[in-house]
């Protein structure tokens, strides 16, 4: 994609996307987890990887003294961006 000098780019945060009907970060993780746990279709092959990534987030936070519900686990962290 090429932008010209006179074009405007608008970036919207989570508030705008939720208003547009897009799930928030926690809802996205919940949907992924539901699909992985159901073991249906193509999601079955990602089950072990998903649990490894989730465990890694909780383990890493535990090393810093953060446990249980205090762990910030969302789609950004699952994707390795947060």
PDB file of N, CA and C in Angstrom:
ATOM      1  N   UNK A   1       0.840  -1.170   0.000  1.00  0.00           N
ATOM      2  CA  UNK A   1       0.000   0.000   0.000  1.00  0.00           C
ATOM      3  C   UNK A   1       0.889   1.238   0.000  1.00  0.00           C
ATOM      4  N   UNK A   2       0.553   2.188  -0.828  1.00  0.00           N
ATOM      5  CA  UNK A   2       1.310   3.426  -0.933  1.00  0.00           C
ATOM      6  C   UNK A   2       0.406   4.590  -0.533  1.00  0.00           C
ATOM      7  N   UNK A   3       0.916   5.451   0.353  1.00  0.00           N
ATOM      8  CA  UNK A   3       0.161   6.628   0.778  1.00  0.00           C
ATOM      9  C   UNK A   3       0.717   7.863   0.101  1.00  0.00           C
ATOM     10  N   UNK A   4      -0.174   8.718  -0.318  1.00  0.00           N
ATOM     11  CA  UNK A   4       0.244  10.007  -0.869  1.00  0.00           C
ATOM     12  C   UNK A   4       0.333  11.008   0.262  1.00  0.00           C
ATOM     13  N   UNK A   5       0.982  12.117   0.024  1.00  0.00           N
ATOM     14  CA  UNK A   5       1.173  13.148   1.051  1.00  0.00           C
ATOM     15  C   UNK A   5      -0.134  13.711   1.587  1.00  0.00           C
ATOM     16  N   UNK A   6      -1.150  13.793   0.762  1.00  0.00           N
ATOM     17  CA  UNK A   6      -2.390  14.438   1.180  1.00  0.00           C
ATOM     18  C   UNK A   6      -3.407  13.469   1.781  1.00  0.00           C
ATOM     19  N   UNK A   7      -3.026  12.226   2.015  1.00  0.00           N
ATOM     20  CA  UNK A   7      -3.943  11.256   2.603  1.00  0.00           C
ATOM     21  C   UNK A   7      -3.857  11.299   4.132  1.00  0.00           C
ATOM     22  N   UNK A   8      -4.965  10.991   4.751  1.00  0.00           N
ATOM     23  CA  UNK A   8      -5.039  10.968   6.210  1.00  0.00           C
ATOM     24  C   UNK A   8      -5.215   9.524   6.661  1.00  0.00           C
ATOM     25  N   UNK A   9      -4.480   9.144   7.678  1.00  0.00           N
ATOM     26  CA  UNK A   9      -4.610   7.817   8.259  1.00  0.00           C
ATOM     27  C   UNK A   9      -5.185   7.998   9.656  1.00  0.00           C
ATOM     28  N   UNK A  10      -6.262   7.272   9.944  1.00  0.00           N
ATOM     29  CA  UNK A  10      -6.898   7.345  11.251  1.00  0.00           C
ATOM     30  C   UNK A  10      -6.658   6.029  11.971  1.00  0.00           C
ATOM     31  N   UNK A  11      -6.107   6.112  13.186  1.00  0.00           N
ATOM     32  CA  UNK A  11      -5.889   4.935  13.999  1.00  0.00           C
ATOM     33  C   UNK A  11      -6.902   4.939  15.131  1.00  0.00           C
ATOM     34  N   UNK A  12      -7.580   3.829  15.311  1.00  0.00           N
ATOM     35  CA  UNK A  12      -8.602   3.721  16.339  1.00  0.00           C
ATOM     36  C   UNK A  12      -8.175   2.711  17.389  1.00  0.00           C
ATOM     37  N   UNK A  13      -8.488   3.013  18.629  1.00  0.00           N
ATOM     38  CA  UNK A  13      -8.153   2.110  19.724  1.00  0.00           C
ATOM     39  C   UNK A  13      -9.273   1.130  20.007  1.00  0.00           C
ATOM     40  N   UNK A  14      -9.116   0.409  21.107  1.00  0.00           N
ATOM     41  CA  UNK A  14     -10.052  -0.659  21.464  1.00  0.00           C
ATOM     42  C   UNK A  14     -11.474  -0.151  21.641  1.00  0.00           C
ATOM     43  N   UNK A  15     -11.633   1.038  22.178  1.00  0.00           N
ATOM     44  CA  UNK A  15     -12.983   1.563  22.380  1.00  0.00           C
ATOM     45  C   UNK A  15     -13.768   1.642  21.091  1.00  0.00           C
ATOM     46  N   UNK A  16     -13.127   2.081  20.043  1.00  0.00           N
ATOM     47  CA  UNK A  16     -13.807   2.200  18.755  1.00  0.00           C
ATOM     48  C   UNK A  16     -14.083   0.834  18.148  1.00  0.00           C
ATOM     49  N   UNK A  17     -13.147  -0.079  18.277  1.00  0.00           N
ATOM     50  CA  UNK A  17     -13.354  -1.395  17.678  1.00  0.00           C
ATOM     51  C   UNK A  17     -14.457  -2.166  18.407  1.00  0.00           C
ATOM     52  N   UNK A  18     -14.535  -2.040  19.715  1.00  0.00           N
ATOM     53  CA  UNK A  18     -15.598  -2.713  20.466  1.00  0.00           C
ATOM     54  C   UNK A  18     -16.959  -2.151  20.071  1.00  0.00           C
ATOM     55  N   UNK A  19     -17.020  -0.845  19.901  1.00  0.00           N
ATOM     56  CA  UNK A  19     -18.276  -0.215  19.465  1.00  0.00           C
ATOM     57  C   UNK A  19     -18.693  -0.718  18.082  1.00  0.00           C
ATOM     58  N   UNK A  20     -17.718  -1.130  17.289  1.00  0.00           N
ATOM     59  CA  UNK A  20     -18.004  -1.636  15.943  1.00  0.00           C
ATOM     60  C   UNK A  20     -18.339  -3.126  15.956  1.00  0.00           C
ATOM     61  N   UNK A  21     -18.378  -3.737  17.155  1.00  0.00           N
ATOM     62  CA  UNK A  21     -18.735  -5.139  17.267  1.00  0.00           C
ATOM     63  C   UNK A  21     -17.572  -6.114  17.237  1.00  0.00           C
ATOM     64  N   UNK A  22     -16.352  -5.589  17.294  1.00  0.00           N
ATOM     65  CA  UNK A  22     -15.166  -6.438  17.325  1.00  0.00           C
ATOM     66  C   UNK A  22     -14.889  -6.794  18.785  1.00  0.00           C
ATOM     67  N   UNK A  23     -14.625  -8.060  19.085  1.00  0.00           N
ATOM     68  CA  UNK A  23     -14.380  -8.454  20.483  1.00  0.00           C
ATOM     69  C   UNK A  23     -13.181  -7.723  21.076  1.00  0.00           C
ATOM     70  N   UNK A  24     -13.256  -7.452  22.386  1.00  0.00           N
ATOM     71  CA  UNK A  24     -12.089  -6.848  23.038  1.00  0.00           C
ATOM     72  C   UNK A  24     -11.027  -7.931  23.236  1.00  0.00           C
ATOM     73  N   UNK A  25      -9.884  -7.535  23.741  1.00  0.00           N
ATOM     74  CA  UNK A  25      -8.740  -8.423  23.871  1.00  0.00           C
ATOM     75  C   UNK A  25      -9.058  -9.671  24.681  1.00  0.00           C
ATOM     76  N   UNK A  26      -9.733  -9.506  25.809  1.00  0.00           N
ATOM     77  CA  UNK A  26     -10.044 -10.657  26.653  1.00  0.00           C
ATOM     78  C   UNK A  26     -11.063 -11.584  25.974  1.00  0.00           C
ATOM     79  N   UNK A  27     -12.006 -11.008  25.251  1.00  0.00           N
ATOM     80  CA  UNK A  27     -12.978 -11.828  24.525  1.00  0.00           C
ATOM     81  C   UNK A  27     -12.293 -12.627  23.423  1.00  0.00           C
ATOM     82  N   UNK A  28     -11.300 -12.020  22.759  1.00  0.00           N
ATOM     83  CA  UNK A  28     -10.565 -12.739  21.712  1.00  0.00           C
ATOM     84  C   UNK A  28      -9.864 -13.956  22.286  1.00  0.00           C
ATOM     85  N   UNK A  29      -9.190 -13.777  23.433  1.00  0.00           N
ATOM     86  CA  UNK A  29      -8.503 -14.903  24.069  1.00  0.00           C
ATOM     87  C   UNK A  29      -9.510 -15.979  24.451  1.00  0.00           C
ATOM     88  N   UNK A  30     -10.631 -15.566  24.983  1.00  0.00           N
ATOM     89  CA  UNK A  30     -11.667 -16.515  25.384  1.00  0.00           C
ATOM     90  C   UNK A  30     -12.163 -17.324  24.183  1.00  0.00           C
ATOM     91  N   UNK A  31     -12.355 -16.663  23.051  1.00  0.00           N
ATOM     92  CA  UNK A  31     -12.804 -17.357  21.843  1.00  0.00           C
ATOM     93  C   UNK A  31     -11.750 -18.347  21.341  1.00  0.00           C
ATOM     94  N   UNK A  32     -10.492 -17.935  21.364  1.00  0.00           N
ATOM     95  CA  UNK A  32      -9.410 -18.836  20.953  1.00  0.00           C
ATOM     96  C   UNK A  32      -9.384 -20.041  21.887  1.00  0.00           C
ATOM     97  N   UNK A  33      -9.442 -19.779  23.196  1.00  0.00           N
ATOM     98  CA  UNK A  33      -9.367 -20.863  24.169  1.00  0.00           C
ATOM     99  C   UNK A  33     -10.543 -21.830  24.025  1.00  0.00           C
ATOM    100  N   UNK A  34     -11.736 -21.304  23.814  1.00  0.00           N
ATOM    101  CA  UNK A  34     -12.905 -22.166  23.620  1.00  0.00           C
ATOM    102  C   UNK A  34     -12.713 -23.079  22.415  1.00  0.00           C
ATOM    103  N   UNK A  35     -12.180 -22.541  21.338  1.00  0.00           N
ATOM    104  CA  UNK A  35     -11.984 -23.336  20.126  1.00  0.00           C
ATOM    105  C   UNK A  35     -10.904 -24.388  20.319  1.00  0.00           C
ATOM    106  N   UNK A  36      -9.825 -23.990  20.998  1.00  0.00           N
ATOM    107  CA  UNK A  36      -8.730 -24.930  21.246  1.00  0.00           C
ATOM    108  C   UNK A  36      -9.202 -26.059  22.159  1.00  0.00           C
ATOM    109  N   UNK A  37      -9.930 -25.721  23.201  1.00  0.00           N
ATOM    110  CA  UNK A  37     -10.402 -26.740  24.143  1.00  0.00           C
ATOM    111  C   UNK A  37     -11.443 -27.662  23.524  1.00  0.00           C
ATOM    112  N   UNK A  38     -12.217 -27.156  22.569  1.00  0.00           N
ATOM    113  CA  UNK A  38     -13.241 -27.996  21.940  1.00  0.00           C
ATOM    114  C   UNK A  38     -12.603 -29.102  21.103  1.00  0.00           C
ATOM    115  N   UNK A  39     -11.385 -28.853  20.625  1.00  0.00           N
ATOM    116  CA  UNK A  39     -10.677 -29.855  19.843  1.00  0.00           C
ATOM    117  C   UNK A  39     -11.286 -30.127  18.486  1.00  0.00           C
ATOM    118  N   UNK A  40     -12.095 -29.206  18.005  1.00  0.00           N
ATOM    119  CA  UNK A  40     -12.758 -29.402  16.717  1.00  0.00           C
ATOM    120  C   UNK A  40     -11.965 -28.762  15.585  1.00  0.00           C
ATOM    121  N   UNK A  41     -12.029 -29.395  14.444  1.00  0.00           N
ATOM    122  CA  UNK A  41     -11.455 -28.823  13.232  1.00  0.00           C
ATOM    123  C   UNK A  41      -9.978 -28.509  13.340  1.00  0.00           C
ATOM    124  N   UNK A  42      -9.554 -27.454  12.669  1.00  0.00           N
ATOM    125  CA  UNK A  42      -8.132 -27.124  12.605  1.00  0.00           C
ATOM    126  C   UNK A  42      -7.558 -26.661  13.943  1.00  0.00           C
ATOM    127  N   UNK A  43      -8.420 -26.271  14.878  1.00  0.00           N
ATOM    128  CA  UNK A  43      -7.935 -25.763  16.169  1.00  0.00           C
ATOM    129  C   UNK A  43      -7.259 -26.859  16.988  1.00  0.00           C
ATOM    130  N   UNK A  44      -7.617 -28.106  16.747  1.00  0.00           N
ATOM    131  CA  UNK A  44      -7.067 -29.219  17.515  1.00  0.00           C
ATOM    132  C   UNK A  44      -5.545 -29.265  17.416  1.00  0.00           C
ATOM    133  N   UNK A  45      -5.007 -28.939  16.267  1.00  0.00           N
ATOM    134  CA  UNK A  45      -3.555 -29.015  16.077  1.00  0.00           C
ATOM    135  C   UNK A  45      -2.805 -27.903  16.813  1.00  0.00           C
ATOM    136  N   UNK A  46      -3.521 -26.887  17.304  1.00  0.00           N
ATOM    137  CA  UNK A  46      -2.881 -25.780  18.018  1.00  0.00           C
ATOM    138  C   UNK A  46      -3.008 -25.891  19.531  1.00  0.00           C
ATOM    139  N   UNK A  47      -3.646 -26.953  20.015  1.00  0.00           N
ATOM    140  CA  UNK A  47      -3.922 -27.099  21.446  1.00  0.00           C
ATOM    141  C   UNK A  47      -2.648 -27.018  22.292  1.00  0.00           C
ATOM    142  N   UNK A  48      -1.661 -27.847  21.991  1.00  0.00           N
ATOM    143  CA  UNK A  48      -0.435 -27.872  22.787  1.00  0.00           C
ATOM    144  C   UNK A  48       0.316 -26.552  22.707  1.00  0.00           C
ATOM    145  N   UNK A  49       0.366 -25.962  21.523  1.00  0.00           N
ATOM    146  CA  UNK A  49       1.039 -24.678  21.365  1.00  0.00           C
ATOM    147  C   UNK A  49       0.345 -23.596  22.190  1.00  0.00           C
ATOM    148  N   UNK A  50      -0.982 -23.575  22.135  1.00  0.00           N
ATOM    149  CA  UNK A  50      -1.728 -22.578  22.916  1.00  0.00           C
ATOM    150  C   UNK A  50      -1.431 -22.722  24.403  1.00  0.00           C
ATOM    151  N   UNK A  51      -1.478 -23.951  24.917  1.00  0.00           N
ATOM    152  CA  UNK A  51      -1.234 -24.153  26.348  1.00  0.00           C
ATOM    153  C   UNK A  51       0.207 -23.807  26.718  1.00  0.00           C
ATOM    154  N   UNK A  52       1.147 -24.055  25.819  1.00  0.00           N
ATOM    155  CA  UNK A  52       2.532 -23.662  26.071  1.00  0.00           C
ATOM    156  C   UNK A  52       2.662 -22.150  26.164  1.00  0.00           C
ATOM    157  N   UNK A  53       2.053 -21.435  25.227  1.00  0.00           N
ATOM    158  CA  UNK A  53       2.132 -19.975  25.251  1.00  0.00           C
ATOM    159  C   UNK A  53       1.460 -19.392  26.487  1.00  0.00           C
ATOM    160  N   UNK A  54       0.281 -19.909  26.820  1.00  0.00           N
ATOM    161  CA  UNK A  54      -0.421 -19.422  28.009  1.00  0.00           C
ATOM    162  C   UNK A  54       0.407 -19.697  29.271  1.00  0.00           C
ATOM    163  N   UNK A  55       0.944 -20.890  29.378  1.00  0.00           N
ATOM    164  CA  UNK A  55       1.772 -21.235  30.541  1.00  0.00           C
ATOM    165  C   UNK A  55       2.999 -20.332  30.632  1.00  0.00           C
ATOM    166  N   UNK A  56       3.579 -20.003  29.498  1.00  0.00           N
ATOM    167  CA  UNK A  56       4.762 -19.144  29.481  1.00  0.00           C
ATOM    168  C   UNK A  56       4.467 -17.758  30.031  1.00  0.00           C
ATOM    169  N   UNK A  57       3.310 -17.215  29.687  1.00  0.00           N
ATOM    170  CA  UNK A  57       2.920 -15.896  30.191  1.00  0.00           C
ATOM    171  C   UNK A  57       2.775 -15.945  31.714  1.00  0.00           C
ATOM    172  N   UNK A  58       2.063 -16.944  32.204  1.00  0.00           N
ATOM    173  CA  UNK A  58       1.860 -17.072  33.648  1.00  0.00           C
ATOM    174  C   UNK A  58       3.167 -17.362  34.380  1.00  0.00           C
ATOM    175  N   UNK A  59       4.004 -18.192  33.793  1.00  0.00           N
ATOM    176  CA  UNK A  59       5.294 -18.516  34.400  1.00  0.00           C
ATOM    177  C   UNK A  59       6.185 -17.275  34.493  1.00  0.00           C
ATOM    178  N   UNK A  60       6.264 -16.540  33.379  1.00  0.00           N
ATOM    179  CA  UNK A  60       7.090 -15.331  33.369  1.00  0.00           C
ATOM    180  C   UNK A  60       6.634 -14.311  34.390  1.00  0.00           C
ATOM    181  N   UNK A  61       5.324 -14.113  34.499  1.00  0.00           N
ATOM    182  CA  UNK A  61       4.821 -13.174  35.496  1.00  0.00           C
ATOM    183  C   UNK A  61       5.076 -13.692  36.903  1.00  0.00           C
ATOM    184  N   UNK A  62       4.991 -15.009  37.102  1.00  0.00           N
ATOM    185  CA  UNK A  62       5.269 -15.597  38.405  1.00  0.00           C
ATOM    186  C   UNK A  62       6.701 -15.343  38.850  1.00  0.00           C
ATOM    187  N   UNK A  63       7.622 -15.353  37.913  1.00  0.00           N
ATOM    188  CA  UNK A  63       9.011 -15.045  38.244  1.00  0.00           C
ATOM    189  C   UNK A  63       9.165 -13.615  38.763  1.00  0.00           C
ATOM    190  N   UNK A  64       8.247 -12.746  38.348  1.00  0.00           N
ATOM    191  CA  UNK A  64       8.261 -11.360  38.814  1.00  0.00           C
ATOM    192  C   UNK A  64       7.368 -11.152  40.036  1.00  0.00           C
ATOM    193  N   UNK A  65       6.774 -12.240  40.552  1.00  0.00           N
ATOM    194  CA  UNK A  65       5.937 -12.135  41.747  1.00  0.00           C
ATOM    195  C   UNK A  65       4.475 -11.844  41.475  1.00  0.00           C
ATOM    196  N   UNK A  66       4.030 -12.016  40.244  1.00  0.00           N
ATOM    197  CA  UNK A  66       2.625 -11.785  39.886  1.00  0.00           C
ATOM    198  C   UNK A  66       1.964 -13.131  39.640  1.00  0.00           C
ATOM    199  N   UNK A  67       0.826 -13.371  40.320  1.00  0.00           N
ATOM    200  CA  UNK A  67       0.196 -14.679  40.264  1.00  0.00           C
ATOM    201  C   UNK A  67      -1.306 -14.573  40.059  1.00  0.00           C
ATOM    202  N   UNK A  68      -1.912 -15.681  39.602  1.00  0.00           N
ATOM    203  CA  UNK A  68      -3.365 -15.817  39.522  1.00  0.00           C
ATOM    204  C   UNK A  68      -4.045 -14.737  38.719  1.00  0.00           C
ATOM    205  N   UNK A  69      -5.086 -14.162  39.303  1.00  0.00           N
ATOM    206  CA  UNK A  69      -5.882 -13.146  38.616  1.00  0.00           C
ATOM    207  C   UNK A  69      -5.122 -11.847  38.375  1.00  0.00           C
ATOM    208  N   UNK A  70      -3.959 -11.693  39.012  1.00  0.00           N
ATOM    209  CA  UNK A  70      -3.166 -10.477  38.790  1.00  0.00           C
ATOM    210  C   UNK A  70      -2.351 -10.533  37.506  1.00  0.00           C
ATOM    211  N   UNK A  71      -2.286 -11.702  36.880  1.00  0.00           N
ATOM    212  CA  UNK A  71      -1.575 -11.836  35.605  1.00  0.00           C
ATOM    213  C   UNK A  71      -2.420 -11.196  34.512  1.00  0.00           C
ATOM    214  N   UNK A  72      -1.810 -10.313  33.764  1.00  0.00           N
ATOM    215  CA  UNK A  72      -2.491  -9.668  32.641  1.00  0.00           C
ATOM    216  C   UNK A  72      -2.334 -10.571  31.416  1.00  0.00           C
ATOM    217  N   UNK A  73      -3.376 -11.328  31.136  1.00  0.00           N
ATOM    218  CA  UNK A  73      -3.329 -12.270  30.022  1.00  0.00           C
ATOM    219  C   UNK A  73      -4.375 -11.855  29.007  1.00  0.00           C
ATOM    220  N   UNK A  74      -3.925 -11.413  27.840  1.00  0.00           N
ATOM    221  CA  UNK A  74      -4.828 -10.926  26.803  1.00  0.00           C
ATOM    222  C   UNK A  74      -4.256 -11.299  25.438  1.00  0.00           C
ATOM    223  N   UNK A  75      -4.933 -10.879  24.391  1.00  0.00           N
ATOM    224  CA  UNK A  75      -4.519 -11.283  23.037  1.00  0.00           C
ATOM    225  C   UNK A  75      -3.139 -10.725  22.680  1.00  0.00           C
ATOM    226  N   UNK A  76      -2.799  -9.562  23.200  1.00  0.00           N
ATOM    227  CA  UNK A  76      -1.476  -8.990  22.928  1.00  0.00           C
ATOM    228  C   UNK A  76      -0.368  -9.863  23.524  1.00  0.00           C
ATOM    229  N   UNK A  77      -0.581 -10.316  24.744  1.00  0.00           N
ATOM    230  CA  UNK A  77       0.425 -11.169  25.385  1.00  0.00           C
ATOM    231  C   UNK A  77       0.460 -12.535  24.721  1.00  0.00           C
ATOM    232  N   UNK A  78      -0.690 -13.060  24.347  1.00  0.00           N
ATOM    233  CA  UNK A  78      -0.724 -14.345  23.660  1.00  0.00           C
ATOM    234  C   UNK A  78       0.049 -14.282  22.352  1.00  0.00           C
ATOM    235  N   UNK A  79      -0.081 -13.166  21.657  1.00  0.00           N
ATOM    236  CA  UNK A  79       0.609 -12.986  20.384  1.00  0.00           C
ATOM    237  C   UNK A  79       2.062 -12.535  20.561  1.00  0.00           C
ATOM    238  N   UNK A  80       2.479 -12.334  21.813  1.00  0.00           N
ATOM    239  CA  UNK A  80       3.858 -11.943  22.081  1.00  0.00           C
ATOM    240  C   UNK A  80       4.139 -10.490  21.864  1.00  0.00           C
ATOM    241  N   UNK A  81       3.119  -9.639  22.000  1.00  0.00           N
ATOM    242  CA  UNK A  81       3.288  -8.212  21.754  1.00  0.00           C
ATOM    243  C   UNK A  81       3.169  -7.361  23.022  1.00  0.00           C
ATOM    244  N   UNK A  82       2.875  -7.981  24.154  1.00  0.00           N
ATOM    245  CA  UNK A  82       2.593  -7.159  25.329  1.00  0.00           C
ATOM    246  C   UNK A  82       3.381  -7.467  26.526  1.00  0.00           C
TER     247      UNK A  82
END
